Amino acid sequence: MGKATDPAAVVDARLRVYGIKRLKVVDVFIMPNVVSGNTNAPTIIIGERESGLIKEDWPHNKENVVIKQPMTIKTKFHEEKKESKE
């Protein structure tokens, strides 16, 4: 994690990967310095932080959200079952 001018930096402060749109990395390896102890807690904190950032970036109005209707697939089995009920 670091500035775009840093050749060692892969992500910015919002965990977006430099040079690739709409890609984020949520992993312990984004930390510039790895902790000497267990990495579980820092990884959980990174995940929690990113969940907040995603909520901030998510569209809040319904005009920007696309809702797809579920697709119904009818098979021969469904037709036979329907005929047997009649």
PDB file of N, CA and C in Angstrom:
ATOM      1  N   MET A   1       0.850  -1.157   0.000  1.00  0.00           N
ATOM      2  CA  MET A   1       0.000   0.000   0.000  1.00  0.00           C
ATOM      3  C   MET A   1       0.901   1.226   0.000  1.00  0.00           C
ATOM      4  N   GLY A   2       0.550   2.177  -0.843  1.00  0.00           N
ATOM      5  CA  GLY A   2       1.348   3.389  -0.895  1.00  0.00           C
ATOM      6  C   GLY A   2       0.910   4.298  -2.025  1.00  0.00           C
ATOM      7  N   LYS A   3       1.709   5.312  -2.281  1.00  0.00           N
ATOM      8  CA  LYS A   3       1.408   6.273  -3.340  1.00  0.00           C
ATOM      9  C   LYS A   3       1.651   5.645  -4.706  1.00  0.00           C
ATOM     10  N   ALA A   4       0.979   6.186  -5.713  1.00  0.00           N
ATOM     11  CA  ALA A   4       1.114   5.661  -7.079  1.00  0.00           C
ATOM     12  C   ALA A   4       2.538   5.816  -7.597  1.00  0.00           C
ATOM     13  N   THR A   5       3.287   6.765  -7.057  1.00  0.00           N
ATOM     14  CA  THR A   5       4.668   6.982  -7.503  1.00  0.00           C
ATOM     15  C   THR A   5       5.649   5.984  -6.895  1.00  0.00           C
ATOM     16  N   ASP A   6       5.218   5.272  -5.859  1.00  0.00           N
ATOM     17  CA  ASP A   6       6.083   4.282  -5.211  1.00  0.00           C
ATOM     18  C   ASP A   6       6.094   3.000  -6.047  1.00  0.00           C
ATOM     19  N   PRO A   7       7.255   2.587  -6.552  1.00  0.00           N
ATOM     20  CA  PRO A   7       7.293   1.388  -7.401  1.00  0.00           C
ATOM     21  C   PRO A   7       6.943   0.093  -6.663  1.00  0.00           C
ATOM     22  N   ALA A   8       7.046   0.096  -5.344  1.00  0.00           N
ATOM     23  CA  ALA A   8       6.729  -1.103  -4.569  1.00  0.00           C
ATOM     24  C   ALA A   8       5.248  -1.171  -4.183  1.00  0.00           C
ATOM     25  N   ALA A   9       4.505  -0.069  -4.364  1.00  0.00           N
ATOM     26  CA  ALA A   9       3.098  -0.028  -3.968  1.00  0.00           C
ATOM     27  C   ALA A   9       2.221  -0.677  -5.033  1.00  0.00           C
ATOM     28  N   VAL A  10       1.264  -1.459  -4.581  1.00  0.00           N
ATOM     29  CA  VAL A  10       0.340  -2.142  -5.488  1.00  0.00           C
ATOM     30  C   VAL A  10      -1.069  -1.572  -5.371  1.00  0.00           C
ATOM     31  N   VAL A  11      -1.441  -1.140  -4.154  1.00  0.00           N
ATOM     32  CA  VAL A  11      -2.780  -0.603  -3.924  1.00  0.00           C
ATOM     33  C   VAL A  11      -2.693   0.768  -3.272  1.00  0.00           C
ATOM     34  N   ASP A  12      -3.789   1.540  -3.428  1.00  0.00           N
ATOM     35  CA  ASP A  12      -3.854   2.847  -2.773  1.00  0.00           C
ATOM     36  C   ASP A  12      -4.503   2.693  -1.393  1.00  0.00           C
ATOM     37  N   ALA A  13      -4.795   3.813  -0.737  1.00  0.00           N
ATOM     38  CA  ALA A  13      -5.346   3.777   0.620  1.00  0.00           C
ATOM     39  C   ALA A  13      -6.752   3.185   0.669  1.00  0.00           C
ATOM     40  N   ARG A  14      -7.457   3.169  -0.460  1.00  0.00           N
ATOM     41  CA  ARG A  14      -8.791   2.563  -0.534  1.00  0.00           C
ATOM     42  C   ARG A  14      -8.729   1.135  -1.076  1.00  0.00           C
ATOM     43  N   LEU A  15      -7.512   0.568  -1.105  1.00  0.00           N
ATOM     44  CA  LEU A  15      -7.248  -0.822  -1.496  1.00  0.00           C
ATOM     45  C   LEU A  15      -7.554  -1.119  -2.963  1.00  0.00           C
ATOM     46  N   ARG A  16      -7.541  -0.080  -3.808  1.00  0.00           N
ATOM     47  CA  ARG A  16      -7.732  -0.264  -5.251  1.00  0.00           C
ATOM     48  C   ARG A  16      -6.388  -0.546  -5.896  1.00  0.00           C
ATOM     49  N   VAL A  17      -6.343  -1.538  -6.770  1.00  0.00           N
ATOM     50  CA  VAL A  17      -5.100  -1.922  -7.433  1.00  0.00           C
ATOM     51  C   VAL A  17      -4.761  -0.877  -8.490  1.00  0.00           C
ATOM     52  N   TYR A  18      -3.516  -0.416  -8.477  1.00  0.00           N
ATOM     53  CA  TYR A  18      -3.073   0.564  -9.466  1.00  0.00           C
ATOM     54  C   TYR A  18      -3.095  -0.048 -10.860  1.00  0.00           C
ATOM     55  N   GLY A  19      -3.655   0.701 -11.820  1.00  0.00           N
ATOM     56  CA  GLY A  19      -3.634   0.287 -13.217  1.00  0.00           C
ATOM     57  C   GLY A  19      -4.756  -0.642 -13.635  1.00  0.00           C
ATOM     58  N   ILE A  20      -5.597  -1.081 -12.700  1.00  0.00           N
ATOM     59  CA  ILE A  20      -6.707  -1.971 -13.041  1.00  0.00           C
ATOM     60  C   ILE A  20      -7.978  -1.415 -12.406  1.00  0.00           C
ATOM     61  N   LYS A  21      -8.954  -1.076 -13.232  1.00  0.00           N
ATOM     62  CA  LYS A  21     -10.201  -0.520 -12.717  1.00  0.00           C
ATOM     63  C   LYS A  21     -11.043  -1.606 -12.063  1.00  0.00           C
ATOM     64  N   ARG A  22     -11.753  -1.220 -11.003  1.00  0.00           N
ATOM     65  CA  ARG A  22     -12.719  -2.065 -10.304  1.00  0.00           C
ATOM     66  C   ARG A  22     -12.117  -3.330  -9.694  1.00  0.00           C
ATOM     67  N   LEU A  23     -10.858  -3.280  -9.310  1.00  0.00           N
ATOM     68  CA  LEU A  23     -10.232  -4.417  -8.633  1.00  0.00           C
ATOM     69  C   LEU A  23      -9.634  -3.942  -7.317  1.00  0.00           C
ATOM     70  N   LYS A  24      -9.977  -4.633  -6.250  1.00  0.00           N
ATOM     71  CA  LYS A  24      -9.442  -4.320  -4.930  1.00  0.00           C
ATOM     72  C   LYS A  24      -8.787  -5.565  -4.357  1.00  0.00           C
ATOM     73  N   VAL A  25      -7.826  -5.360  -3.465  1.00  0.00           N
ATOM     74  CA  VAL A  25      -7.163  -6.470  -2.787  1.00  0.00           C
ATOM     75  C   VAL A  25      -7.416  -6.313  -1.297  1.00  0.00           C
ATOM     76  N   VAL A  26      -7.964  -7.350  -0.690  1.00  0.00           N
ATOM     77  CA  VAL A  26      -8.212  -7.349   0.748  1.00  0.00           C
ATOM     78  C   VAL A  26      -7.445  -8.538   1.313  1.00  0.00           C
ATOM     79  N   ASP A  27      -6.221  -8.281   1.712  1.00  0.00           N
ATOM     80  CA  ASP A  27      -5.350  -9.346   2.189  1.00  0.00           C
ATOM     81  C   ASP A  27      -4.270  -8.742   3.073  1.00  0.00           C
ATOM     82  N   VAL A  28      -3.675  -9.543   3.915  1.00  0.00           N
ATOM     83  CA  VAL A  28      -2.633  -9.068   4.824  1.00  0.00           C
ATOM     84  C   VAL A  28      -1.401  -8.574   4.057  1.00  0.00           C
ATOM     85  N   PHE A  29      -1.200  -9.047   2.848  1.00  0.00           N
ATOM     86  CA  PHE A  29       0.000  -8.687   2.096  1.00  0.00           C
ATOM     87  C   PHE A  29      -0.015  -7.258   1.564  1.00  0.00           C
ATOM     88  N   ILE A  30      -1.104  -6.514   1.780  1.00  0.00           N
ATOM     89  CA  ILE A  30      -1.104  -5.104   1.377  1.00  0.00           C
ATOM     90  C   ILE A  30      -0.370  -4.236   2.392  1.00  0.00           C
ATOM     91  N   MET A  31      -0.097  -4.778   3.579  1.00  0.00           N
ATOM     92  CA  MET A  31       0.583  -3.996   4.617  1.00  0.00           C
ATOM     93  C   MET A  31       2.039  -3.770   4.226  1.00  0.00           C
ATOM     94  N   PRO A  32       2.513  -2.532   4.352  1.00  0.00           N
ATOM     95  CA  PRO A  32       3.918  -2.252   4.017  1.00  0.00           C
ATOM     96  C   PRO A  32       4.896  -3.013   4.908  1.00  0.00           C
ATOM     97  N   ASN A  33       4.539  -3.187   6.171  1.00  0.00           N
ATOM     98  CA  ASN A  33       5.379  -3.925   7.121  1.00  0.00           C
ATOM     99  C   ASN A  33       4.540  -5.024   7.747  1.00  0.00           C
ATOM    100  N   VAL A  34       4.986  -6.246   7.636  1.00  0.00           N
ATOM    101  CA  VAL A  34       4.254  -7.374   8.198  1.00  0.00           C
ATOM    102  C   VAL A  34       4.530  -7.444   9.695  1.00  0.00           C
ATOM    103  N   VAL A  35       3.489  -7.721  10.465  1.00  0.00           N
ATOM    104  CA  VAL A  35       3.641  -7.808  11.918  1.00  0.00           C
ATOM    105  C   VAL A  35       4.450  -9.044  12.282  1.00  0.00           C
ATOM    106  N   SER A  36       5.082  -8.998  13.446  1.00  0.00           N
ATOM    107  CA  SER A  36       5.927 -10.122  13.859  1.00  0.00           C
ATOM    108  C   SER A  36       5.122 -11.246  14.501  1.00  0.00           C
ATOM    109  N   GLY A  37       3.881 -10.960  14.870  1.00  0.00           N
ATOM    110  CA  GLY A  37       3.054 -11.979  15.521  1.00  0.00           C
ATOM    111  C   GLY A  37       2.046 -12.588  14.562  1.00  0.00           C
ATOM    112  N   ASN A  38       0.946 -13.024  15.134  1.00  0.00           N
ATOM    113  CA  ASN A  38      -0.121 -13.644  14.364  1.00  0.00           C
ATOM    114  C   ASN A  38      -0.752 -12.614  13.426  1.00  0.00           C
ATOM    115  N   THR A  39      -0.963 -12.980  12.180  1.00  0.00           N
ATOM    116  CA  THR A  39      -1.524 -12.043  11.191  1.00  0.00           C
ATOM    117  C   THR A  39      -3.041 -12.121  11.114  1.00  0.00           C
ATOM    118  N   ASN A  40      -3.679 -12.929  11.942  1.00  0.00           N
ATOM    119  CA  ASN A  40      -5.127 -13.077  11.884  1.00  0.00           C
ATOM    120  C   ASN A  40      -5.850 -11.769  12.204  1.00  0.00           C
ATOM    121  N   ALA A  41      -5.508 -11.126  13.305  1.00  0.00           N
ATOM    122  CA  ALA A  41      -6.184  -9.891  13.710  1.00  0.00           C
ATOM    123  C   ALA A  41      -6.016  -8.776  12.676  1.00  0.00           C
ATOM    124  N   PRO A  42      -4.793  -8.503  12.176  1.00  0.00           N
ATOM    125  CA  PRO A  42      -4.670  -7.465  11.151  1.00  0.00           C
ATOM    126  C   PRO A  42      -5.469  -7.783   9.882  1.00  0.00           C
ATOM    127  N   THR A  43      -5.547  -9.051   9.515  1.00  0.00           N
ATOM    128  CA  THR A  43      -6.313  -9.436   8.331  1.00  0.00           C
ATOM    129  C   THR A  43      -7.795  -9.171   8.535  1.00  0.00           C
ATOM    130  N   ILE A  44      -8.301  -9.474   9.712  1.00  0.00           N
ATOM    131  CA  ILE A  44      -9.707  -9.197  10.022  1.00  0.00           C
ATOM    132  C   ILE A  44      -9.970  -7.699   9.973  1.00  0.00           C
ATOM    133  N   ILE A  45      -9.068  -6.905  10.517  1.00  0.00           N
ATOM    134  CA  ILE A  45      -9.229  -5.446  10.513  1.00  0.00           C
ATOM    135  C   ILE A  45      -9.225  -4.909   9.084  1.00  0.00           C
ATOM    136  N   ILE A  46      -8.342  -5.420   8.240  1.00  0.00           N
ATOM    137  CA  ILE A  46      -8.296  -4.995   6.835  1.00  0.00           C
ATOM    138  C   ILE A  46      -9.624  -5.324   6.152  1.00  0.00           C
ATOM    139  N   GLY A  47     -10.157  -6.514   6.404  1.00  0.00           N
ATOM    140  CA  GLY A  47     -11.443  -6.902   5.822  1.00  0.00           C
ATOM    141  C   GLY A  47     -12.580  -6.021   6.301  1.00  0.00           C
ATOM    142  N   GLU A  48     -12.607  -5.716   7.588  1.00  0.00           N
ATOM    143  CA  GLU A  48     -13.640  -4.836   8.134  1.00  0.00           C
ATOM    144  C   GLU A  48     -13.536  -3.432   7.540  1.00  0.00           C
ATOM    145  N   ARG A  49     -12.316  -2.945   7.421  1.00  0.00           N
ATOM    146  CA  ARG A  49     -12.104  -1.611   6.844  1.00  0.00           C
ATOM    147  C   ARG A  49     -12.597  -1.570   5.409  1.00  0.00           C
ATOM    148  N   GLU A  50     -12.263  -2.591   4.633  1.00  0.00           N
ATOM    149  CA  GLU A  50     -12.681  -2.621   3.234  1.00  0.00           C
ATOM    150  C   GLU A  50     -14.193  -2.747   3.100  1.00  0.00           C
ATOM    151  N   SER A  51     -14.832  -3.474   4.004  1.00  0.00           N
ATOM    152  CA  SER A  51     -16.291  -3.569   3.924  1.00  0.00           C
ATOM    153  C   SER A  51     -16.923  -2.190   4.094  1.00  0.00           C
ATOM    154  N   GLY A  52     -16.350  -1.363   4.957  1.00  0.00           N
ATOM    155  CA  GLY A  52     -16.832   0.008   5.102  1.00  0.00           C
ATOM    156  C   GLY A  52     -16.584   0.838   3.853  1.00  0.00           C
ATOM    157  N   LEU A  53     -15.427   0.649   3.222  1.00  0.00           N
ATOM    158  CA  LEU A  53     -15.126   1.386   1.989  1.00  0.00           C
ATOM    159  C   LEU A  53     -16.059   0.968   0.857  1.00  0.00           C
ATOM    160  N   ILE A  54     -16.373  -0.316   0.778  1.00  0.00           N
ATOM    161  CA  ILE A  54     -17.300  -0.786  -0.256  1.00  0.00           C
ATOM    162  C   ILE A  54     -18.678  -0.174  -0.036  1.00  0.00           C
ATOM    163  N   LYS A  55     -19.127  -0.115   1.217  1.00  0.00           N
ATOM    164  CA  LYS A  55     -20.426   0.499   1.517  1.00  0.00           C
ATOM    165  C   LYS A  55     -20.440   1.969   1.121  1.00  0.00           C
ATOM    166  N   GLU A  56     -19.333   2.671   1.320  1.00  0.00           N
ATOM    167  CA  GLU A  56     -19.249   4.080   0.928  1.00  0.00           C
ATOM    168  C   GLU A  56     -19.339   4.240  -0.587  1.00  0.00           C
ATOM    169  N   ASP A  57     -18.713   3.327  -1.324  1.00  0.00           N
ATOM    170  CA  ASP A  57     -18.672   3.423  -2.782  1.00  0.00           C
ATOM    171  C   ASP A  57     -19.916   2.870  -3.460  1.00  0.00           C
ATOM    172  N   TRP A  58     -20.704   2.072  -2.754  1.00  0.00           N
ATOM    173  CA  TRP A  58     -21.855   1.406  -3.354  1.00  0.00           C
ATOM    174  C   TRP A  58     -22.931   2.435  -3.704  1.00  0.00           C
ATOM    175  N   PRO A  59     -23.609   2.283  -4.862  1.00  0.00           N
ATOM    176  CA  PRO A  59     -24.654   3.251  -5.235  1.00  0.00           C
ATOM    177  C   PRO A  59     -25.831   3.162  -4.262  1.00  0.00           C
ATOM    178  N   HIS A  60     -26.293   4.317  -3.798  1.00  0.00           N
ATOM    179  CA  HIS A  60     -27.355   4.341  -2.801  1.00  0.00           C
ATOM    180  C   HIS A  60     -28.741   4.543  -3.398  1.00  0.00           C
ATOM    181  N   ASN A  61     -28.813   5.026  -4.631  1.00  0.00           N
ATOM    182  CA  ASN A  61     -30.137   5.216  -5.206  1.00  0.00           C
ATOM    183  C   ASN A  61     -30.500   4.034  -6.095  1.00  0.00           C
ATOM    184  N   LYS A  62     -31.791   3.773  -6.212  1.00  0.00           N
ATOM    185  CA  LYS A  62     -32.261   2.595  -6.937  1.00  0.00           C
ATOM    186  C   LYS A  62     -32.040   2.709  -8.439  1.00  0.00           C
ATOM    187  N   GLU A  63     -31.841   3.911  -8.963  1.00  0.00           N
ATOM    188  CA  GLU A  63     -31.631   4.084 -10.397  1.00  0.00           C
ATOM    189  C   GLU A  63     -30.323   3.444 -10.853  1.00  0.00           C
ATOM    190  N   ASN A  64     -29.334   3.360  -9.976  1.00  0.00           N
ATOM    191  CA  ASN A  64     -28.033   2.796 -10.333  1.00  0.00           C
ATOM    192  C   ASN A  64     -27.948   1.290 -10.116  1.00  0.00           C
ATOM    193  N   VAL A  65     -28.985   0.688  -9.543  1.00  0.00           N
ATOM    194  CA  VAL A  65     -28.947  -0.734  -9.227  1.00  0.00           C
ATOM    195  C   VAL A  65     -29.732  -1.516 -10.271  1.00  0.00           C
ATOM    196  N   VAL A  66     -29.131  -2.546 -10.814  1.00  0.00           N
ATOM    197  CA  VAL A  66     -29.795  -3.413 -11.781  1.00  0.00           C
ATOM    198  C   VAL A  66     -30.235  -4.675 -11.053  1.00  0.00           C
ATOM    199  N   ILE A  67     -31.529  -4.935 -11.087  1.00  0.00           N
ATOM    200  CA  ILE A  67     -32.064  -6.133 -10.452  1.00  0.00           C
ATOM    201  C   ILE A  67     -32.530  -7.064 -11.555  1.00  0.00           C
ATOM    202  N   LYS A  68     -31.953  -8.237 -11.597  1.00  0.00           N
ATOM    203  CA  LYS A  68     -32.330  -9.218 -12.615  1.00  0.00           C
ATOM    204  C   LYS A  68     -33.378 -10.161 -12.044  1.00  0.00           C
ATOM    205  N   GLN A  69     -34.363 -10.458 -12.862  1.00  0.00           N
ATOM    206  CA  GLN A  69     -35.406 -11.391 -12.462  1.00  0.00           C
ATOM    207  C   GLN A  69     -34.893 -12.820 -12.609  1.00  0.00           C
ATOM    208  N   PRO A  70     -35.305 -13.708 -11.725  1.00  0.00           N
ATOM    209  CA  PRO A  70     -34.865 -15.098 -11.859  1.00  0.00           C
ATOM    210  C   PRO A  70     -35.439 -15.732 -13.120  1.00  0.00           C
ATOM    211  N   MET A  71     -34.668 -16.589 -13.731  1.00  0.00           N
ATOM    212  CA  MET A  71     -35.087 -17.232 -14.961  1.00  0.00           C
ATOM    213  C   MET A  71     -35.745 -18.571 -14.627  1.00  0.00           C
ATOM    214  N   THR A  72     -36.908 -18.823 -15.226  1.00  0.00           N
ATOM    215  CA  THR A  72     -37.604 -20.082 -15.016  1.00  0.00           C
ATOM    216  C   THR A  72     -37.287 -21.016 -16.172  1.00  0.00           C
ATOM    217  N   ILE A  73     -36.870 -22.204 -15.848  1.00  0.00           N
ATOM    218  CA  ILE A  73     -36.555 -23.198 -16.867  1.00  0.00           C
ATOM    219  C   ILE A  73     -37.550 -24.340 -16.732  1.00  0.00           C
ATOM    220  N   LYS A  74     -38.270 -24.597 -17.809  1.00  0.00           N
ATOM    221  CA  LYS A  74     -39.223 -25.706 -17.803  1.00  0.00           C
ATOM    222  C   LYS A  74     -38.606 -26.878 -18.544  1.00  0.00           C
ATOM    223  N   THR A  75     -38.678 -28.025 -17.918  1.00  0.00           N
ATOM    224  CA  THR A  75     -38.147 -29.238 -18.534  1.00  0.00           C
ATOM    225  C   THR A  75     -39.281 -30.228 -18.755  1.00  0.00           C
ATOM    226  N   LYS A  76     -38.971 -31.318 -19.418  1.00  0.00           N
ATOM    227  CA  LYS A  76     -39.960 -32.365 -19.658  1.00  0.00           C
ATOM    228  C   LYS A  76     -40.479 -32.909 -18.326  1.00  0.00           C
ATOM    229  N   PHE A  77     -39.614 -33.002 -17.331  1.00  0.00           N
ATOM    230  CA  PHE A  77     -40.006 -33.477 -16.009  1.00  0.00           C
ATOM    231  C   PHE A  77     -41.102 -32.600 -15.418  1.00  0.00           C
ATOM    232  N   HIS A  78     -40.976 -31.282 -15.538  1.00  0.00           N
ATOM    233  CA  HIS A  78     -41.973 -30.366 -14.993  1.00  0.00           C
ATOM    234  C   HIS A  78     -43.306 -30.522 -15.714  1.00  0.00           C
ATOM    235  N   GLU A  79     -43.264 -30.707 -17.024  1.00  0.00           N
ATOM    236  CA  GLU A  79     -44.493 -30.880 -17.795  1.00  0.00           C
ATOM    237  C   GLU A  79     -45.198 -32.176 -17.396  1.00  0.00           C
ATOM    238  N   GLU A  80     -44.439 -33.264 -17.232  1.00  0.00           N
ATOM    239  CA  GLU A  80     -45.029 -34.546 -16.839  1.00  0.00           C
ATOM    240  C   GLU A  80     -45.637 -34.459 -15.447  1.00  0.00           C
ATOM    241  N   LYS A  81     -44.978 -33.760 -14.549  1.00  0.00           N
ATOM    242  CA  LYS A  81     -45.466 -33.602 -13.183  1.00  0.00           C
ATOM    243  C   LYS A  81     -46.770 -32.809 -13.183  1.00  0.00           C
ATOM    244  N   LYS A  82     -46.841 -31.781 -14.021  1.00  0.00           N
ATOM    245  CA  LYS A  82     -48.028 -30.940 -14.117  1.00  0.00           C
ATOM    246  C   LYS A  82     -49.200 -31.752 -14.673  1.00  0.00           C
ATOM    247  N   GLU A  83     -48.952 -32.578 -15.695  1.00  0.00           N
ATOM    248  CA  GLU A  83     -50.001 -33.394 -16.304  1.00  0.00           C
ATOM    249  C   GLU A  83     -50.522 -34.445 -15.329  1.00  0.00           C
ATOM    250  N   SER A  84     -49.655 -35.001 -14.512  1.00  0.00           N
ATOM    251  CA  SER A  84     -50.074 -36.042 -13.566  1.00  0.00           C
ATOM    252  C   SER A  84     -50.959 -35.483 -12.458  1.00  0.00           C
ATOM    253  N   LYS A  85     -50.834 -34.198 -12.145  1.00  0.00           N
ATOM    254  CA  LYS A  85     -51.670 -33.575 -11.121  1.00  0.00           C
ATOM    255  C   LYS A  85     -53.080 -33.334 -11.638  1.00  0.00           C
ATOM    256  N   GLU A  86     -53.242 -33.200 -12.929  1.00  0.00           N
ATOM    257  CA  GLU A  86     -54.556 -32.874 -13.499  1.00  0.00           C
ATOM    258  C   GLU A  86     -55.465 -34.030 -13.621  1.00  0.00           C
TER     259      GLU A  86
END
